[in-house]
């Protein structure tokens, strides 16, 4: 039983698995996440500090 995705790039796999709308949403999420990380590091904040500023939700989930 082989892996039908072995040897394929993420873009090739993504084309197979996601609809165009899902791909667009995924790209938007990746851009947003990258920007949050960039701004957090520019400000010298830890993930925990950012989580606390946002209400602590990420801290609760990251411990799960």
C-alpha atoms as a PDB file:
ATOM      1  CA  UNK A   1       0.000   0.000   0.000  1.00  0.00           C
ATOM      2  CA  UNK A   2       1.928   3.034  -1.267  1.00  0.00           C
ATOM      3  CA  UNK A   3       1.500   6.651  -0.407  1.00  0.00           C
ATOM      4  CA  UNK A   4      -0.059   8.315  -3.450  1.00  0.00           C
ATOM      5  CA  UNK A   5       1.403  11.654  -2.376  1.00  0.00           C
ATOM      6  CA  UNK A   6       4.996  10.430  -1.972  1.00  0.00           C
ATOM      7  CA  UNK A   7       7.367  12.404  -4.159  1.00  0.00           C
ATOM      8  CA  UNK A   8       4.896  15.227  -4.719  1.00  0.00           C
ATOM      9  CA  UNK A   9       5.348  18.813  -3.626  1.00  0.00           C
ATOM     10  CA  UNK A  10       3.003  20.425  -1.116  1.00  0.00           C
ATOM     11  CA  UNK A  11       1.541  22.531  -3.930  1.00  0.00           C
ATOM     12  CA  UNK A  12       0.709  19.387  -5.920  1.00  0.00           C
ATOM     13  CA  UNK A  13      -0.884  17.709  -2.905  1.00  0.00           C
ATOM     14  CA  UNK A  14      -2.783  20.867  -1.987  1.00  0.00           C
ATOM     15  CA  UNK A  15      -4.206  21.086  -5.518  1.00  0.00           C
ATOM     16  CA  UNK A  16      -5.588  17.563  -5.077  1.00  0.00           C
ATOM     17  CA  UNK A  17      -6.949  17.908  -1.547  1.00  0.00           C
ATOM     18  CA  UNK A  18      -8.343  21.444  -1.393  1.00  0.00           C
ATOM     19  CA  UNK A  19     -10.920  23.350  -3.393  1.00  0.00           C
ATOM     20  CA  UNK A  20      -9.882  26.720  -4.861  1.00  0.00           C
ATOM     21  CA  UNK A  21     -11.766  28.441  -2.036  1.00  0.00           C
ATOM     22  CA  UNK A  22      -9.988  26.352   0.596  1.00  0.00           C
ATOM     23  CA  UNK A  23      -6.608  27.081  -1.016  1.00  0.00           C
ATOM     24  CA  UNK A  24      -7.329  30.823  -0.939  1.00  0.00           C
ATOM     25  CA  UNK A  25      -8.392  30.627   2.720  1.00  0.00           C
ATOM     26  CA  UNK A  26      -5.275  28.622   3.563  1.00  0.00           C
ATOM     27  CA  UNK A  27      -3.056  31.201   1.848  1.00  0.00           C
ATOM     28  CA  UNK A  28      -4.804  34.048   3.693  1.00  0.00           C
ATOM     29  CA  UNK A  29      -4.360  32.275   7.031  1.00  0.00           C
ATOM     30  CA  UNK A  30      -0.665  31.659   6.325  1.00  0.00           C
ATOM     31  CA  UNK A  31      -0.125  35.343   5.500  1.00  0.00           C
ATOM     32  CA  UNK A  32      -1.944  36.432   8.671  1.00  0.00           C
ATOM     33  CA  UNK A  33      -0.024  33.986  10.878  1.00  0.00           C
ATOM     34  CA  UNK A  34       3.290  35.079   9.361  1.00  0.00           C
ATOM     35  CA  UNK A  35       2.453  38.742  10.005  1.00  0.00           C
ATOM     36  CA  UNK A  36       1.473  38.030  13.623  1.00  0.00           C
ATOM     37  CA  UNK A  37       4.765  36.186  14.185  1.00  0.00           C
ATOM     38  CA  UNK A  38       6.729  38.984  12.526  1.00  0.00           C
ATOM     39  CA  UNK A  39       5.096  41.693  14.634  1.00  0.00           C
ATOM     40  CA  UNK A  40       5.375  39.651  17.837  1.00  0.00           C
ATOM     41  CA  UNK A  41       9.105  39.155  17.364  1.00  0.00           C
ATOM     42  CA  UNK A  42       9.622  42.809  16.376  1.00  0.00           C
ATOM     43  CA  UNK A  43       7.999  43.816  19.659  1.00  0.00           C
ATOM     44  CA  UNK A  44      10.084  41.288  21.588  1.00  0.00           C
ATOM     45  CA  UNK A  45       7.043  39.458  22.905  1.00  0.00           C
ATOM     46  CA  UNK A  46       6.944  35.787  23.794  1.00  0.00           C
ATOM     47  CA  UNK A  47       4.066  33.607  22.633  1.00  0.00           C
ATOM     48  CA  UNK A  48       2.831  33.517  26.223  1.00  0.00           C
ATOM     49  CA  UNK A  49       2.882  37.334  26.490  1.00  0.00           C
ATOM     50  CA  UNK A  50       0.959  37.676  23.237  1.00  0.00           C
ATOM     51  CA  UNK A  51      -1.512  35.058  24.409  1.00  0.00           C
ATOM     52  CA  UNK A  52      -2.088  36.921  27.660  1.00  0.00           C
ATOM     53  CA  UNK A  53      -2.646  40.149  25.732  1.00  0.00           C
ATOM     54  CA  UNK A  54      -5.212  38.307  23.602  1.00  0.00           C
ATOM     55  CA  UNK A  55      -7.071  36.921  26.580  1.00  0.00           C
ATOM     56  CA  UNK A  56      -5.024  33.805  27.294  1.00  0.00           C
ATOM     57  CA  UNK A  57      -6.773  31.426  24.877  1.00  0.00           C
ATOM     58  CA  UNK A  58      -3.562  30.264  23.199  1.00  0.00           C
ATOM     59  CA  UNK A  59      -1.984  29.404  26.545  1.00  0.00           C
ATOM     60  CA  UNK A  60      -4.885  27.122  27.419  1.00  0.00           C
ATOM     61  CA  UNK A  61      -4.800  25.346  24.060  1.00  0.00           C
ATOM     62  CA  UNK A  62      -1.030  25.009  23.845  1.00  0.00           C
ATOM     63  CA  UNK A  63      -1.004  22.980  27.072  1.00  0.00           C
ATOM     64  CA  UNK A  64      -3.439  20.421  25.673  1.00  0.00           C
END
